N, C-alpha and C. Protein backbone atom coordinates (compact mmCIF):
# COMPACT_ATOMS: atom_id res chain seq x y z
N UNK A 1 127.41 233.79 43.77
CA UNK A 1 128.82 234.01 43.63
C UNK A 1 129.35 234.86 44.78
N UNK A 2 128.57 235.81 45.21
CA UNK A 2 129.00 236.68 46.31
C UNK A 2 129.19 235.87 47.59
N UNK A 3 128.26 234.97 47.85
CA UNK A 3 128.38 234.14 49.05
C UNK A 3 129.66 233.31 49.01
N UNK A 4 129.94 232.73 47.86
CA UNK A 4 131.14 231.89 47.72
C UNK A 4 132.40 232.74 47.91
N UNK A 5 132.42 233.90 47.31
CA UNK A 5 133.60 234.77 47.41
C UNK A 5 133.82 235.23 48.85
N UNK A 6 132.76 235.61 49.53
CA UNK A 6 132.87 236.01 50.94
C UNK A 6 133.36 234.84 51.78
N UNK A 7 132.81 233.68 51.54
CA UNK A 7 133.22 232.48 52.27
C UNK A 7 134.71 232.19 52.05
N UNK A 8 135.15 232.20 50.80
CA UNK A 8 136.56 231.94 50.50
C UNK A 8 137.48 233.01 51.08
N UNK A 9 136.97 234.23 51.20
CA UNK A 9 137.81 235.31 51.75
C UNK A 9 138.19 235.04 53.20
N UNK A 10 137.40 234.29 53.90
CA UNK A 10 137.70 233.99 55.30
C UNK A 10 138.86 233.03 55.47
N UNK A 11 139.17 232.28 54.42
CA UNK A 11 140.22 231.28 54.51
C UNK A 11 141.49 231.69 53.78
N UNK A 12 141.43 232.75 52.97
CA UNK A 12 142.61 233.25 52.28
C UNK A 12 143.42 232.16 51.63
N UNK A 13 144.71 232.16 51.87
CA UNK A 13 145.58 231.12 51.31
C UNK A 13 145.96 230.12 52.39
N UNK A 14 145.13 230.01 53.39
CA UNK A 14 145.33 229.10 54.51
C UNK A 14 145.45 227.66 54.03
N UNK A 15 146.40 226.93 54.56
CA UNK A 15 146.63 225.55 54.14
C UNK A 15 145.95 224.54 55.05
N UNK A 16 145.56 224.92 56.26
CA UNK A 16 145.01 223.96 57.20
C UNK A 16 143.61 223.49 56.84
N UNK A 17 142.81 224.37 56.29
CA UNK A 17 141.46 223.98 55.86
C UNK A 17 141.43 224.07 54.35
N UNK A 18 141.25 222.93 53.73
CA UNK A 18 141.22 222.87 52.27
C UNK A 18 139.78 222.98 51.80
N UNK A 19 139.52 224.01 51.00
CA UNK A 19 138.15 224.29 50.56
C UNK A 19 137.94 223.70 49.16
N UNK A 20 137.35 222.54 49.14
CA UNK A 20 137.03 221.84 47.89
C UNK A 20 135.62 222.22 47.45
N UNK A 21 135.21 221.74 46.29
CA UNK A 21 133.86 221.98 45.81
C UNK A 21 132.84 221.47 46.81
N UNK A 22 133.05 220.26 47.33
CA UNK A 22 132.11 219.70 48.29
C UNK A 22 132.02 220.55 49.55
N UNK A 23 133.16 221.02 50.03
CA UNK A 23 133.16 221.86 51.24
C UNK A 23 132.46 223.19 50.97
N UNK A 24 132.67 223.75 49.79
CA UNK A 24 131.99 225.00 49.42
C UNK A 24 130.49 224.80 49.42
N UNK A 25 130.02 223.72 48.82
CA UNK A 25 128.58 223.47 48.75
C UNK A 25 127.98 223.30 50.14
N UNK A 26 128.68 222.59 51.01
CA UNK A 26 128.17 222.39 52.36
C UNK A 26 128.17 223.69 53.17
N UNK A 27 129.28 224.40 53.14
CA UNK A 27 129.36 225.65 53.91
C UNK A 27 128.44 226.73 53.36
N UNK A 28 128.22 226.71 52.05
CA UNK A 28 127.32 227.70 51.45
C UNK A 28 125.89 227.51 51.91
N UNK A 29 125.52 226.29 52.30
CA UNK A 29 124.18 226.08 52.84
C UNK A 29 123.99 226.91 54.10
N UNK A 30 125.03 227.01 54.92
CA UNK A 30 124.97 227.86 56.12
C UNK A 30 124.87 229.33 55.72
N UNK A 31 125.58 229.70 54.66
CA UNK A 31 125.52 231.08 54.18
C UNK A 31 124.13 231.40 53.64
N UNK A 32 123.53 230.45 52.96
CA UNK A 32 122.23 230.66 52.33
C UNK A 32 121.08 230.64 53.35
N UNK A 33 121.20 229.79 54.36
CA UNK A 33 120.13 229.64 55.36
C UNK A 33 120.65 229.82 56.79
N UNK A 34 121.20 230.96 57.12
CA UNK A 34 121.74 231.13 58.48
C UNK A 34 120.67 231.05 59.56
N UNK A 35 119.45 231.44 59.25
CA UNK A 35 118.39 231.39 60.26
C UNK A 35 118.06 229.96 60.66
N UNK A 36 118.28 229.03 59.77
CA UNK A 36 118.01 227.62 60.04
C UNK A 36 119.23 226.95 60.67
N UNK A 37 120.41 227.27 60.15
CA UNK A 37 121.60 226.51 60.48
C UNK A 37 122.40 227.04 61.67
N UNK A 38 122.28 228.29 61.99
CA UNK A 38 123.14 228.88 63.02
C UNK A 38 122.33 229.26 64.24
N UNK A 39 122.79 228.76 65.39
CA UNK A 39 122.09 229.00 66.64
C UNK A 39 122.73 230.13 67.42
N UNK A 40 122.97 231.23 66.75
CA UNK A 40 123.58 232.40 67.37
C UNK A 40 122.54 233.52 67.30
N UNK A 41 122.12 233.99 68.44
CA UNK A 41 121.06 235.00 68.49
C UNK A 41 121.44 236.29 67.76
N UNK A 42 122.73 236.60 67.69
CA UNK A 42 123.17 237.81 66.99
C UNK A 42 122.98 237.70 65.48
N UNK A 43 122.90 236.48 64.96
CA UNK A 43 122.77 236.28 63.52
C UNK A 43 121.36 235.90 63.10
N UNK A 44 120.50 235.61 64.07
CA UNK A 44 119.13 235.16 63.77
C UNK A 44 118.23 236.31 63.36
N UNK A 45 117.33 235.99 62.44
CA UNK A 45 116.25 236.89 62.07
C UNK A 45 115.00 236.03 62.01
N UNK A 46 113.88 236.62 61.67
CA UNK A 46 112.66 235.83 61.54
C UNK A 46 112.80 234.86 60.39
N UNK A 47 112.27 233.65 60.57
CA UNK A 47 112.33 232.65 59.51
C UNK A 47 111.46 233.09 58.34
N UNK A 48 111.99 232.91 57.15
CA UNK A 48 111.24 233.25 55.94
C UNK A 48 110.65 231.98 55.34
N UNK A 49 109.88 232.16 54.30
CA UNK A 49 109.32 231.05 53.53
C UNK A 49 110.44 230.12 53.08
N UNK A 50 111.53 230.69 52.58
CA UNK A 50 112.65 229.89 52.06
C UNK A 50 113.34 229.11 53.18
N UNK A 51 113.40 229.69 54.37
CA UNK A 51 114.00 228.98 55.49
C UNK A 51 113.18 227.74 55.85
N UNK A 52 111.85 227.87 55.89
CA UNK A 52 111.00 226.74 56.23
C UNK A 52 111.17 225.59 55.24
N UNK A 53 111.45 225.91 53.99
CA UNK A 53 111.55 224.88 52.96
C UNK A 53 112.99 224.64 52.54
N UNK A 54 113.94 224.96 53.40
CA UNK A 54 115.36 224.77 53.09
C UNK A 54 115.70 223.29 52.89
N UNK A 55 114.93 222.40 53.52
CA UNK A 55 115.22 220.97 53.38
C UNK A 55 115.11 220.50 51.94
N UNK A 56 114.39 221.24 51.10
CA UNK A 56 114.32 220.88 49.68
C UNK A 56 115.66 221.11 48.98
N UNK A 57 116.51 221.92 49.57
CA UNK A 57 117.76 222.33 48.93
C UNK A 57 119.00 221.77 49.60
N UNK A 58 118.83 220.82 50.50
CA UNK A 58 120.00 220.36 51.25
C UNK A 58 120.98 219.59 50.37
N UNK A 59 120.56 219.09 49.24
CA UNK A 59 121.48 218.48 48.27
C UNK A 59 121.67 219.49 47.15
N UNK A 60 122.78 220.22 47.15
CA UNK A 60 122.97 221.31 46.19
C UNK A 60 123.20 220.82 44.76
N UNK A 61 122.99 221.71 43.83
CA UNK A 61 123.19 221.45 42.42
C UNK A 61 124.68 221.64 42.09
N UNK A 62 125.39 220.54 41.94
CA UNK A 62 126.85 220.58 41.70
C UNK A 62 127.19 221.39 40.46
N UNK A 63 126.41 221.20 39.40
CA UNK A 63 126.71 221.89 38.14
C UNK A 63 126.60 223.40 38.31
N UNK A 64 125.64 223.85 39.09
CA UNK A 64 125.50 225.29 39.35
C UNK A 64 126.73 225.84 40.06
N UNK A 65 127.24 225.09 41.03
CA UNK A 65 128.45 225.52 41.73
C UNK A 65 129.66 225.50 40.81
N UNK A 66 129.72 224.52 39.92
CA UNK A 66 130.81 224.49 38.94
C UNK A 66 130.79 225.75 38.08
N UNK A 67 129.60 226.16 37.66
CA UNK A 67 129.46 227.37 36.83
C UNK A 67 129.94 228.59 37.61
N UNK A 68 129.49 228.73 38.85
CA UNK A 68 129.90 229.88 39.66
C UNK A 68 131.41 229.90 39.85
N UNK A 69 131.99 228.76 40.16
CA UNK A 69 133.43 228.70 40.40
C UNK A 69 134.23 228.94 39.12
N UNK A 70 133.72 228.45 37.99
CA UNK A 70 134.41 228.73 36.72
C UNK A 70 134.38 230.21 36.41
N UNK A 71 133.25 230.86 36.67
CA UNK A 71 133.13 232.29 36.42
C UNK A 71 134.06 233.08 37.35
N UNK A 72 134.09 232.73 38.62
CA UNK A 72 134.98 233.40 39.57
C UNK A 72 136.45 233.18 39.19
N UNK A 73 136.76 231.99 38.70
CA UNK A 73 138.12 231.68 38.27
C UNK A 73 138.47 232.47 37.00
N UNK A 74 137.53 232.53 36.05
CA UNK A 74 137.77 233.28 34.80
C UNK A 74 137.99 234.76 35.08
N UNK A 75 137.31 235.29 36.09
CA UNK A 75 137.48 236.70 36.45
C UNK A 75 138.71 236.92 37.34
N UNK A 76 139.43 235.83 37.60
CA UNK A 76 140.65 235.85 38.42
C UNK A 76 140.39 236.32 39.86
N UNK A 77 139.19 236.03 40.35
CA UNK A 77 138.86 236.34 41.73
C UNK A 77 139.14 235.15 42.64
N UNK A 78 139.19 233.97 42.03
CA UNK A 78 139.43 232.71 42.74
C UNK A 78 140.44 231.91 41.93
N UNK A 79 141.30 231.19 42.63
CA UNK A 79 142.22 230.28 41.93
C UNK A 79 141.85 228.84 42.31
N UNK A 80 142.14 227.94 41.39
CA UNK A 80 141.89 226.51 41.61
C UNK A 80 143.23 225.80 41.54
N UNK A 81 143.56 225.11 42.61
CA UNK A 81 144.84 224.41 42.70
C UNK A 81 144.59 222.94 43.02
N UNK A 82 145.53 222.10 42.66
CA UNK A 82 145.42 220.68 42.99
C UNK A 82 146.33 220.41 44.19
N UNK A 83 145.72 219.93 45.26
CA UNK A 83 146.47 219.56 46.46
C UNK A 83 146.02 218.15 46.85
N UNK A 84 146.97 217.24 46.89
CA UNK A 84 146.69 215.83 47.21
C UNK A 84 145.57 215.29 46.32
N UNK A 85 145.70 215.50 45.04
CA UNK A 85 144.79 215.03 43.99
C UNK A 85 143.34 215.52 44.16
N UNK A 86 143.17 216.68 44.74
CA UNK A 86 141.84 217.28 44.90
C UNK A 86 141.91 218.75 44.51
N UNK A 87 140.90 219.23 43.81
CA UNK A 87 140.84 220.64 43.47
C UNK A 87 140.47 221.44 44.71
N UNK A 88 141.28 222.44 44.99
CA UNK A 88 141.08 223.31 46.15
C UNK A 88 140.93 224.74 45.64
N UNK A 89 139.99 225.47 46.20
CA UNK A 89 139.72 226.85 45.77
C UNK A 89 140.20 227.82 46.82
N UNK A 90 140.83 228.91 46.33
CA UNK A 90 141.31 229.97 47.21
C UNK A 90 141.02 231.32 46.57
N UNK A 91 140.78 232.30 47.40
CA UNK A 91 140.55 233.65 46.88
C UNK A 91 141.90 234.23 46.43
N UNK A 92 141.87 235.03 45.39
CA UNK A 92 143.08 235.70 44.89
C UNK A 92 143.15 237.11 45.48
N UNK A 93 144.23 237.81 45.18
CA UNK A 93 144.34 239.19 45.66
C UNK A 93 143.27 240.07 44.99
N UNK A 94 142.93 239.80 43.72
CA UNK A 94 141.85 240.55 43.07
C UNK A 94 140.51 240.28 43.76
N UNK A 95 140.29 239.03 44.16
CA UNK A 95 139.07 238.68 44.89
C UNK A 95 139.00 239.37 46.22
N UNK A 96 140.14 239.45 46.90
CA UNK A 96 140.21 240.16 48.18
C UNK A 96 139.90 241.63 47.99
N UNK A 97 140.41 242.22 46.90
CA UNK A 97 140.12 243.63 46.62
C UNK A 97 138.62 243.85 46.41
N UNK A 98 137.97 242.93 45.72
CA UNK A 98 136.52 243.04 45.50
C UNK A 98 135.79 242.98 46.83
N UNK A 99 136.15 242.02 47.66
CA UNK A 99 135.50 241.86 48.97
C UNK A 99 135.69 243.11 49.83
N UNK A 100 136.88 243.66 49.82
CA UNK A 100 137.17 244.85 50.63
C UNK A 100 136.42 246.08 50.15
N UNK A 101 135.96 246.06 48.89
CA UNK A 101 135.21 247.20 48.37
C UNK A 101 133.72 247.13 48.68
N UNK A 102 133.25 245.99 49.16
CA UNK A 102 131.83 245.83 49.46
C UNK A 102 131.50 246.51 50.78
N UNK A 103 130.28 247.09 50.85
CA UNK A 103 129.90 247.79 52.07
C UNK A 103 128.38 247.82 52.25
N UNK A 104 127.68 246.84 51.73
CA UNK A 104 126.22 246.83 51.86
C UNK A 104 125.80 246.07 53.12
N UNK A 105 124.55 246.21 53.50
CA UNK A 105 124.04 245.46 54.66
C UNK A 105 124.02 243.96 54.35
N UNK A 106 123.77 243.61 53.09
CA UNK A 106 123.80 242.19 52.67
C UNK A 106 125.21 241.63 52.88
N UNK A 107 126.22 242.37 52.46
CA UNK A 107 127.61 241.93 52.66
C UNK A 107 127.90 241.76 54.15
N UNK A 108 127.50 242.72 54.96
CA UNK A 108 127.80 242.67 56.39
C UNK A 108 127.16 241.46 57.04
N UNK A 109 125.93 241.15 56.65
CA UNK A 109 125.26 239.96 57.18
C UNK A 109 126.01 238.70 56.78
N UNK A 110 126.36 238.59 55.50
CA UNK A 110 127.09 237.41 55.03
C UNK A 110 128.48 237.31 55.65
N UNK A 111 129.12 238.44 55.86
CA UNK A 111 130.44 238.45 56.48
C UNK A 111 130.37 237.90 57.90
N UNK A 112 129.36 238.29 58.66
CA UNK A 112 129.17 237.77 60.01
C UNK A 112 128.93 236.27 60.00
N UNK A 113 128.11 235.81 59.06
CA UNK A 113 127.84 234.38 58.93
C UNK A 113 129.12 233.64 58.56
N UNK A 114 129.89 234.18 57.63
CA UNK A 114 131.14 233.53 57.21
C UNK A 114 132.14 233.46 58.37
N UNK A 115 132.19 234.49 59.19
CA UNK A 115 133.06 234.46 60.38
C UNK A 115 132.64 233.34 61.32
N UNK A 116 131.34 233.20 61.52
CA UNK A 116 130.81 232.13 62.37
C UNK A 116 131.18 230.76 61.80
N UNK A 117 131.03 230.61 60.49
CA UNK A 117 131.35 229.34 59.84
C UNK A 117 132.83 229.00 60.02
N UNK A 118 133.68 229.98 59.81
CA UNK A 118 135.11 229.74 59.95
C UNK A 118 135.45 229.30 61.37
N UNK A 119 134.86 229.94 62.34
CA UNK A 119 135.17 229.67 63.74
C UNK A 119 134.56 228.35 64.23
N UNK A 120 133.33 228.03 63.79
CA UNK A 120 132.60 226.92 64.40
C UNK A 120 132.32 225.72 63.51
N UNK A 121 132.37 225.88 62.21
CA UNK A 121 131.90 224.81 61.32
C UNK A 121 133.00 224.25 60.41
N UNK A 122 133.84 225.08 59.88
CA UNK A 122 134.75 224.70 58.80
C UNK A 122 135.67 223.53 59.13
N UNK A 123 136.04 223.37 60.37
CA UNK A 123 136.97 222.29 60.73
C UNK A 123 136.28 220.93 60.87
N UNK A 124 134.96 220.92 60.86
CA UNK A 124 134.24 219.65 60.94
C UNK A 124 134.41 218.87 59.64
N UNK A 125 134.26 217.58 59.73
CA UNK A 125 134.33 216.76 58.52
C UNK A 125 133.10 217.02 57.65
N UNK A 126 133.24 216.74 56.38
CA UNK A 126 132.10 216.92 55.46
C UNK A 126 130.90 216.09 55.91
N UNK A 127 131.15 214.90 56.43
CA UNK A 127 130.07 214.03 56.90
C UNK A 127 129.33 214.67 58.07
N UNK A 128 130.07 215.23 59.03
CA UNK A 128 129.44 215.89 60.19
C UNK A 128 128.64 217.11 59.74
N UNK A 129 129.19 217.87 58.82
CA UNK A 129 128.47 219.04 58.33
C UNK A 129 127.18 218.62 57.64
N UNK A 130 127.25 217.61 56.82
CA UNK A 130 126.05 217.14 56.12
C UNK A 130 125.01 216.62 57.10
N UNK A 131 125.42 215.91 58.13
CA UNK A 131 124.49 215.45 59.16
C UNK A 131 123.81 216.62 59.85
N UNK A 132 124.57 217.67 60.13
CA UNK A 132 124.03 218.87 60.76
C UNK A 132 122.99 219.54 59.85
N UNK A 133 123.31 219.61 58.57
CA UNK A 133 122.39 220.21 57.60
C UNK A 133 121.09 219.43 57.56
N UNK A 134 121.19 218.13 57.47
CA UNK A 134 119.98 217.29 57.40
C UNK A 134 119.15 217.45 58.66
N UNK A 135 119.79 217.37 59.79
CA UNK A 135 119.09 217.47 61.07
C UNK A 135 118.38 218.82 61.22
N UNK A 136 119.09 219.90 61.00
CA UNK A 136 118.51 221.22 61.22
C UNK A 136 117.50 221.61 60.15
N UNK A 137 117.77 221.29 58.90
CA UNK A 137 116.82 221.71 57.86
C UNK A 137 115.53 220.91 57.94
N UNK A 138 115.61 219.62 58.31
CA UNK A 138 114.39 218.85 58.44
C UNK A 138 113.64 219.19 59.73
N UNK A 139 114.36 219.54 60.79
CA UNK A 139 113.68 219.93 62.03
C UNK A 139 112.96 221.25 61.85
N UNK A 140 113.49 222.11 61.00
CA UNK A 140 112.81 223.37 60.69
C UNK A 140 111.47 223.11 60.00
N UNK A 141 111.44 222.10 59.17
CA UNK A 141 110.21 221.74 58.45
C UNK A 141 109.15 221.19 59.39
N UNK A 142 109.60 220.59 60.50
CA UNK A 142 108.66 220.01 61.46
C UNK A 142 107.97 221.07 62.31
N UNK A 143 108.59 222.25 62.42
CA UNK A 143 108.05 223.31 63.29
C UNK A 143 106.85 223.97 62.69
């Protein structure tokens, strides 16, 4: 839930990038496995066991994301709106307050990754993002 909230905080109430469930699942893969997915030396760390086997998780569990988003919505940290017949998720002011109160090293790492995603990944089509995930997660397994 923290990864999703941090990710949504980067887009605020922005209308240009619509963050749907599918987009959240794809972008969260970058949040979950930055060592595999991001080629930025400032964000890289040593690959872990989970990074090597990230290809097992490239197809996320939709129901799990539904649960997380329902919980975030129930806590009024995220709102769900319908735009062009698609559910779009946005962080609320309460969600922003929660994010602004975080100050751990885990938060700082995820915040840097989310900034990278917003700048370099979010505008890509879902198909391009999925191709990138498949390519990078499977190439990690080959190493």
